[in-house]
Amino acid sequence: MKQYHNRRQSSAFTLIELLVVIAIIALLIGILLPALSSARTTAMKLKCLTHTRSMGGALSMYADNNRDWYPVIPNSQSTSQYLDGQWAAGGVAGLFSLFQIGDGEGDFNEVGGTPTNLSGDYGYWGSFLHRAGTYVDGSSVPLMRGYLSGLEILTCPNDRLDYYWKFYNTRDNHVIADADNVKQPEPPTTERDVIHYNISYLYMAGLKTSDASILFPAPLWGDETNSADIKFGAWYGWNWFNEEPNGATEPNPIEDFGFNPETGYAKDDNHGDEGGNFVRTDGSASFITENPQKAFFMKPDEVRPGDSMDSRSVNIVIRNRSNKIQPID
């Protein structure tokens, strides 16, 4: 019995051995967790790139049916020589839906052509001058209807937050401080779910599949920022030429949001401040780590002394070509 008892004692873990095992496991977890987190982030970024490339294909199919032009949202613009008013149907959501309810509430009266019981954080549903669920020209079919197999690709899997702005006649000067609510983006499954805070991307309206005046394929669709990416106040409205915020932006996006002027993105954007996925007009897609405002839309008067015009700029042949392009989110 004494020998049996001694054998049982010798086969058990001592306290020191147990602590050593726990320490080794903790060390392994500490080593592996960052690697697993990094792998997950990379996988999400690649999935976002797949979404971006798929959208490029859908937009190209639209252009094939519309004399090489990518979609332009109908608006009331009549005299300006530059493209404007692309936010008029709820921003980029207007390409896919004309009754943008999101997580709000509301119904559509098919007989009277008016929405009923609208409440919550809803978006565009028409205008007071036109029938509900239409563009300003009266068309009731979203431009991109029928070109996508599913609307889920409108949301980046890495998108953690967005902001809700009530629909106004203009969104030129919207900043994060003006937002009504903070939202968590949800991939839309129906056109009713399509609203700006469920969309993770921005769109460059005013481009063609082939344009002799643009030497380098221009960015067409890519990761938005959490600021209002309207016109060229996009990417937090940062004035990269003077290295300072423009007057229409938050006081200091670097201090307030962790904005990186080199990439054009901030810490809470889809991929942090590393950059964004973009598909170009030639169908190629990649992750861009340079501020798109600087890389693709530099104007001749923004060239610093001693530097030359970036050959990727859409303005290299026609100096104001970018004035006929409008970013919307």
Protein backbone atom coordinates (compact mmCIF):
# COMPACT_ATOMS: atom_id res chain seq x y z
CA MET A 1 0.00 0.00 0.00
CA LYS A 2 2.87 2.35 0.85
CA GLN A 3 4.54 1.69 -2.51
CA TYR A 4 1.22 2.27 -4.34
CA HIS A 5 0.70 5.56 -2.48
CA ASN A 6 4.21 6.75 -3.38
CA ARG A 7 3.66 5.91 -7.04
CA ARG A 8 0.43 7.97 -7.06
CA GLN A 9 2.26 10.91 -5.50
CA SER A 10 5.13 10.79 -8.00
CA SER A 11 2.79 10.75 -11.04
CA ALA A 12 0.99 14.02 -10.09
CA PHE A 13 2.02 17.52 -11.27
CA THR A 14 3.79 19.65 -8.74
CA LEU A 15 2.67 23.25 -8.31
CA ILE A 16 5.83 24.51 -10.01
CA GLU A 17 5.29 22.22 -13.01
CA LEU A 18 1.69 23.40 -13.32
CA LEU A 19 2.75 27.04 -13.22
CA VAL A 20 5.38 26.38 -15.89
CA VAL A 21 2.76 24.80 -18.18
CA ILE A 22 0.39 27.72 -17.64
CA ALA A 23 3.19 30.18 -18.38
CA ILE A 24 4.07 28.33 -21.61
CA ILE A 25 0.43 28.33 -22.72
CA ALA A 26 0.11 32.05 -21.94
CA LEU A 27 3.30 32.71 -23.91
CA LEU A 28 2.01 30.75 -26.90
CA ILE A 29 -1.30 32.61 -26.80
CA GLY A 30 0.56 35.92 -26.66
CA ILE A 31 2.59 34.91 -29.70
CA LEU A 32 -0.28 33.44 -31.75
CA LEU A 33 -3.07 35.95 -31.08
CA PRO A 34 -1.45 38.88 -32.94
CA ALA A 35 -0.71 36.56 -35.86
CA LEU A 36 -4.32 35.33 -35.91
CA SER A 37 -5.61 38.89 -35.66
CA SER A 38 -3.34 39.97 -38.50
CA ALA A 39 -4.49 37.03 -40.63
CA ARG A 40 -8.13 37.92 -39.97
CA THR A 41 -7.52 41.56 -40.91
CA THR A 42 -5.79 40.50 -44.13
CA ALA A 43 -8.66 38.16 -44.99
CA MET A 44 -11.20 40.95 -44.45
CA LYS A 45 -9.15 43.31 -46.60
CA LEU A 46 -9.04 40.72 -49.40
CA LYS A 47 -12.79 40.15 -49.14
CA CYS A 48 -13.31 43.91 -49.41
CA LEU A 49 -11.08 43.93 -52.50
CA THR A 50 -13.26 41.18 -53.98
CA HIS A 51 -16.36 43.30 -53.32
CA THR A 52 -14.66 46.28 -54.94
CA ARG A 53 -13.63 44.32 -58.02
CA SER A 54 -17.13 42.85 -58.37
CA MET A 55 -18.65 46.32 -58.25
CA GLY A 56 -16.23 47.42 -60.95
CA GLY A 57 -17.55 44.62 -63.14
CA ALA A 58 -21.17 45.65 -62.49
CA LEU A 59 -20.42 49.29 -63.29
CA SER A 60 -18.66 48.23 -66.50
CA MET A 61 -21.74 46.25 -67.56
CA TYR A 62 -23.80 49.39 -67.04
CA ALA A 63 -21.32 51.39 -69.12
CA ASP A 64 -21.49 48.82 -71.93
CA ASN A 65 -25.20 49.57 -72.20
CA ASN A 66 -24.79 53.34 -71.95
CA ARG A 67 -22.22 54.41 -74.54
CA ASP A 68 -19.24 53.78 -72.22
CA TRP A 69 -20.52 56.13 -69.52
CA TYR A 70 -20.64 54.97 -65.93
CA PRO A 71 -23.88 55.94 -64.15
CA VAL A 72 -24.65 59.59 -63.48
CA ILE A 73 -27.57 60.33 -61.15
CA PRO A 74 -30.21 62.56 -62.78
CA ASN A 75 -30.38 65.99 -61.15
CA SER A 76 -31.72 69.47 -61.76
CA GLN A 77 -28.39 70.88 -62.93
CA SER A 78 -28.87 72.81 -66.16
CA THR A 79 -26.33 75.61 -66.62
CA SER A 80 -23.09 74.64 -64.90
CA GLN A 81 -20.32 73.28 -67.11
CA TYR A 82 -19.15 71.10 -64.23
CA LEU A 83 -20.70 67.95 -62.79
CA ASP A 84 -22.67 68.59 -59.63
CA GLY A 85 -25.71 67.43 -57.68
CA GLN A 86 -24.76 63.76 -57.58
CA TRP A 87 -25.74 63.66 -53.89
CA ALA A 88 -29.33 64.62 -54.85
CA ALA A 89 -30.74 61.09 -54.46
CA GLY A 90 -29.12 60.19 -51.16
CA GLY A 91 -25.55 60.01 -52.42
CA VAL A 92 -24.13 56.75 -53.72
CA ALA A 93 -27.18 54.93 -52.31
CA GLY A 94 -29.19 56.62 -55.07
CA LEU A 95 -27.57 54.35 -57.64
CA PHE A 96 -29.22 51.34 -56.03
CA SER A 97 -32.37 52.50 -54.24
CA LEU A 98 -34.99 55.25 -54.40
CA PHE A 99 -36.70 54.31 -51.16
CA GLN A 100 -33.92 54.28 -48.59
CA ILE A 101 -35.30 53.20 -45.21
CA GLY A 102 -32.29 51.46 -43.64
CA ASP A 103 -33.08 50.68 -40.01
CA GLY A 104 -35.81 53.32 -39.97
CA GLU A 105 -39.52 52.65 -40.43
CA GLY A 106 -41.86 53.41 -43.29
CA ASP A 107 -44.08 52.12 -46.10
CA PHE A 108 -44.66 53.12 -49.69
CA ASN A 109 -48.15 53.91 -50.92
CA GLU A 110 -48.18 52.63 -54.47
CA VAL A 111 -51.54 54.30 -55.23
CA GLY A 112 -50.81 57.77 -53.94
CA GLY A 113 -47.10 57.61 -54.66
CA THR A 114 -46.20 58.87 -51.20
CA PRO A 115 -44.34 57.34 -48.26
CA THR A 116 -46.32 56.72 -45.09
CA ASN A 117 -45.32 56.58 -41.44
CA LEU A 118 -41.67 57.44 -42.06
CA SER A 119 -39.63 57.58 -38.87
CA GLY A 120 -36.13 56.86 -37.62
CA ASP A 121 -32.89 57.17 -39.57
CA TYR A 122 -34.21 56.92 -43.13
CA GLY A 123 -32.76 58.49 -46.28
CA TYR A 124 -33.96 59.54 -49.72
CA TRP A 125 -37.46 58.57 -50.83
CA GLY A 126 -38.08 61.11 -53.58
CA SER A 127 -38.72 64.81 -53.34
CA PHE A 128 -41.58 67.16 -52.58
CA LEU A 129 -41.64 68.24 -56.21
CA HIS A 130 -41.67 64.75 -57.70
CA ARG A 131 -43.38 61.44 -57.11
CA ALA A 132 -41.92 59.46 -54.23
CA GLY A 133 -39.43 56.79 -55.20
CA THR A 134 -38.18 58.62 -58.29
CA TYR A 135 -35.24 60.65 -59.49
CA VAL A 136 -35.83 64.31 -60.28
CA ASP A 137 -36.42 63.37 -63.93
CA GLY A 138 -39.33 61.12 -62.89
CA SER A 139 -37.57 57.80 -63.48
CA SER A 140 -38.50 55.21 -60.84
CA VAL A 141 -35.87 52.54 -61.65
CA PRO A 142 -32.56 52.76 -59.75
CA LEU A 143 -29.73 53.03 -62.27
CA MET A 144 -27.92 49.92 -61.04
CA ARG A 145 -30.95 47.68 -60.61
CA GLY A 146 -30.34 44.40 -62.41
CA TYR A 147 -26.57 44.75 -62.56
CA LEU A 148 -25.81 43.15 -59.18
CA SER A 149 -26.45 39.59 -58.03
CA GLY A 150 -26.73 40.84 -54.44
CA LEU A 151 -26.54 44.10 -52.52
CA GLU A 152 -24.33 42.73 -49.74
CA ILE A 153 -21.20 43.81 -51.61
CA LEU A 154 -22.07 47.41 -50.76
CA THR A 155 -20.70 46.84 -47.25
CA CYS A 156 -17.04 46.21 -46.44
CA PRO A 157 -16.61 43.39 -43.88
CA ASN A 158 -14.13 45.62 -42.04
CA ASP A 159 -16.52 48.58 -41.74
CA ARG A 160 -17.14 49.12 -38.02
CA LEU A 161 -19.00 52.42 -37.90
CA ASP A 162 -20.55 55.15 -39.98
CA TYR A 163 -22.61 58.26 -39.34
CA TYR A 164 -26.19 59.19 -40.17
CA TRP A 165 -26.94 62.57 -41.65
CA LYS A 166 -30.53 63.54 -42.29
CA PHE A 167 -31.28 64.10 -45.96
CA TYR A 168 -30.86 67.73 -46.98
CA ASN A 169 -30.96 69.50 -50.34
CA THR A 170 -27.19 69.86 -50.12
CA ARG A 171 -24.47 67.89 -48.34
CA ASP A 172 -21.50 69.95 -49.43
CA ASN A 173 -20.47 71.05 -45.96
CA HIS A 174 -21.41 68.07 -43.83
CA VAL A 175 -18.83 67.13 -41.23
CA ILE A 176 -18.80 64.42 -38.58
CA ALA A 177 -19.79 66.96 -35.93
CA ASP A 178 -23.08 67.47 -37.84
CA ALA A 179 -24.02 63.77 -37.75
CA ASP A 180 -27.31 62.86 -36.07
CA ASN A 181 -26.35 59.33 -35.01
CA VAL A 182 -23.49 56.84 -35.01
CA LYS A 183 -24.41 53.69 -36.93
CA GLN A 184 -23.04 50.18 -37.32
CA PRO A 185 -23.17 49.29 -41.03
CA GLU A 186 -25.27 46.25 -41.97
CA PRO A 187 -25.00 44.56 -45.40
CA PRO A 188 -28.25 45.39 -47.26
CA THR A 189 -30.39 42.52 -48.52
CA THR A 190 -33.13 44.59 -50.18
CA GLU A 191 -33.31 48.04 -51.77
CA ARG A 192 -35.04 49.32 -48.61
CA ASP A 193 -31.86 48.50 -46.66
CA VAL A 194 -29.69 50.56 -49.00
CA ILE A 195 -28.82 53.85 -47.31
CA HIS A 196 -25.59 55.81 -46.96
CA TYR A 197 -24.68 54.42 -43.53
CA ASN A 198 -24.90 50.82 -44.79
CA ILE A 199 -22.59 51.54 -47.73
CA SER A 200 -18.84 51.39 -47.15
CA TYR A 201 -17.69 52.86 -50.45
CA LEU A 202 -17.53 56.05 -52.47
CA TYR A 203 -18.12 56.48 -56.19
CA MET A 204 -16.57 58.79 -58.77
CA ALA A 205 -19.40 59.98 -61.01
CA GLY A 206 -18.53 61.43 -64.40
CA LEU A 207 -16.10 58.83 -65.77
CA LYS A 208 -16.11 56.62 -68.88
CA THR A 209 -14.64 53.20 -69.55
CA SER A 210 -12.31 54.78 -72.08
CA ASP A 211 -11.39 58.45 -72.13
CA ALA A 212 -8.58 59.80 -74.29
CA SER A 213 -8.22 62.80 -71.98
CA ILE A 214 -7.26 60.57 -69.03
CA LEU A 215 -3.91 58.79 -69.47
CA PHE A 216 -3.93 56.60 -66.35
CA PRO A 217 -7.03 54.53 -65.42
CA ALA A 218 -8.90 56.60 -62.82
CA PRO A 219 -10.25 55.27 -59.51
CA LEU A 220 -13.95 54.52 -59.93
CA TRP A 221 -15.19 52.85 -56.75
CA GLY A 222 -13.40 52.35 -53.45
CA ASP A 223 -13.32 52.58 -49.68
CA GLU A 224 -14.98 55.70 -48.29
CA THR A 225 -13.98 57.58 -45.16
CA ASN A 226 -16.23 58.30 -42.21
CA SER A 227 -16.35 61.97 -43.18
CA ALA A 228 -18.72 63.23 -45.87
CA ASP A 229 -16.97 62.27 -49.13
CA ILE A 230 -18.81 64.80 -51.26
CA LYS A 231 -17.12 66.63 -54.12
CA PHE A 232 -13.43 67.07 -53.39
CA GLY A 233 -14.00 67.69 -49.74
CA ALA A 234 -13.61 63.91 -49.68
CA TRP A 235 -10.90 62.23 -47.62
CA TYR A 236 -11.62 64.57 -44.71
CA GLY A 237 -11.21 67.57 -46.97
CA TRP A 238 -7.52 67.63 -46.26
CA ASN A 239 -5.59 70.23 -48.25
CA TRP A 240 -2.54 68.11 -49.06
CA PHE A 241 -0.89 70.95 -51.01
CA ASN A 242 -0.79 73.27 -47.97
CA GLU A 243 -0.76 70.39 -45.49
CA GLU A 244 -3.69 71.72 -43.50
CA PRO A 245 -7.44 71.17 -43.11
CA ASN A 246 -9.74 72.97 -45.51
CA GLY A 247 -12.23 75.36 -43.95
CA ALA A 248 -15.16 72.99 -44.48
CA THR A 249 -13.69 70.13 -42.47
CA GLU A 250 -13.45 69.32 -38.80
CA PRO A 251 -11.01 71.60 -36.92
CA ASN A 252 -8.19 69.10 -37.12
CA PRO A 253 -8.84 65.59 -38.46
CA ILE A 254 -5.36 64.46 -37.45
CA GLU A 255 -5.97 65.17 -33.79
CA ASP A 256 -9.70 64.41 -33.72
CA PHE A 257 -9.86 61.23 -35.82
CA GLY A 258 -6.32 59.93 -36.24
CA PHE A 259 -6.25 61.03 -39.87
CA ASN A 260 -3.17 60.13 -41.92
CA PRO A 261 -2.54 62.78 -44.61
CA GLU A 262 -0.30 60.40 -46.55
CA THR A 263 -3.08 57.85 -47.14
CA GLY A 264 -6.20 60.03 -46.84
CA TYR A 265 -7.78 57.76 -44.21
CA ALA A 266 -8.24 57.78 -40.43
CA LYS A 267 -8.04 55.13 -37.71
CA ASP A 268 -11.79 54.33 -37.67
CA ASP A 269 -12.15 53.95 -41.44
CA ASN A 270 -12.63 50.56 -43.10
CA HIS A 271 -8.94 49.60 -43.02
CA GLY A 272 -7.76 52.09 -40.46
CA ASP A 273 -5.34 54.73 -41.71
CA GLU A 274 -3.52 52.32 -44.03
CA GLY A 275 -5.41 53.22 -47.23
CA GLY A 276 -8.29 51.84 -49.27
CA ASN A 277 -9.23 49.32 -51.95
CA PHE A 278 -10.10 50.82 -55.34
CA VAL A 279 -11.19 49.51 -58.71
CA ARG A 280 -10.16 51.62 -61.70
CA THR A 281 -11.83 52.34 -65.01
CA ASP A 282 -9.84 49.57 -66.71
CA GLY A 283 -11.18 46.96 -64.25
CA SER A 284 -7.97 46.57 -62.26
CA ALA A 285 -8.27 46.69 -58.48
CA SER A 286 -5.71 47.08 -55.71
CA PHE A 287 -5.09 48.51 -52.26
CA ILE A 288 -3.95 52.14 -52.52
CA THR A 289 -1.77 53.59 -49.78
CA GLU A 290 -1.49 57.10 -51.23
CA ASN A 291 -3.97 59.90 -50.67
CA PRO A 292 -6.26 59.52 -53.76
CA GLN A 293 -6.88 63.26 -53.78
CA LYS A 294 -3.19 63.86 -54.41
CA ALA A 295 -2.41 60.80 -56.54
CA PHE A 296 -5.29 61.02 -59.03
CA PHE A 297 -6.78 64.53 -58.89
CA MET A 298 -3.76 66.83 -58.69
CA LYS A 299 -4.23 70.05 -60.64
CA PRO A 300 -1.50 72.04 -62.42
CA ASP A 301 -1.65 74.85 -59.85
CA GLU A 302 -1.05 72.28 -57.09
CA VAL A 303 2.36 71.21 -58.37
CA ARG A 304 5.03 72.27 -55.91
CA PRO A 305 8.15 74.06 -57.15
CA GLY A 306 10.69 71.53 -58.37
CA ASP A 307 8.07 68.79 -58.79
CA SER A 308 6.25 67.64 -61.90
CA MET A 309 2.62 66.76 -62.60
CA ASP A 310 1.75 63.24 -61.48
CA SER A 311 1.08 61.24 -64.66
CA ARG A 312 -1.78 59.44 -62.92
CA SER A 313 -3.77 62.64 -62.48
CA VAL A 314 -6.97 62.95 -64.51
CA ASN A 315 -6.00 66.60 -65.10
CA ILE A 316 -2.74 65.99 -66.94
CA VAL A 317 -4.26 66.40 -70.43
CA ILE A 318 -7.26 68.63 -69.63
CA ARG A 319 -6.35 70.80 -66.67
CA ASN A 320 -9.86 70.89 -65.16
CA ARG A 321 -11.07 67.41 -66.06
CA SER A 322 -11.64 66.66 -62.37
CA ASN A 323 -14.28 69.40 -62.26
CA LYS A 324 -16.45 67.08 -64.32
CA ILE A 325 -16.07 64.30 -61.77
CA GLN A 326 -17.90 64.29 -58.45
CA PRO A 327 -17.13 61.90 -55.57
CA ILE A 328 -20.18 60.83 -53.60
CA ASP A 329 -20.62 58.44 -50.68
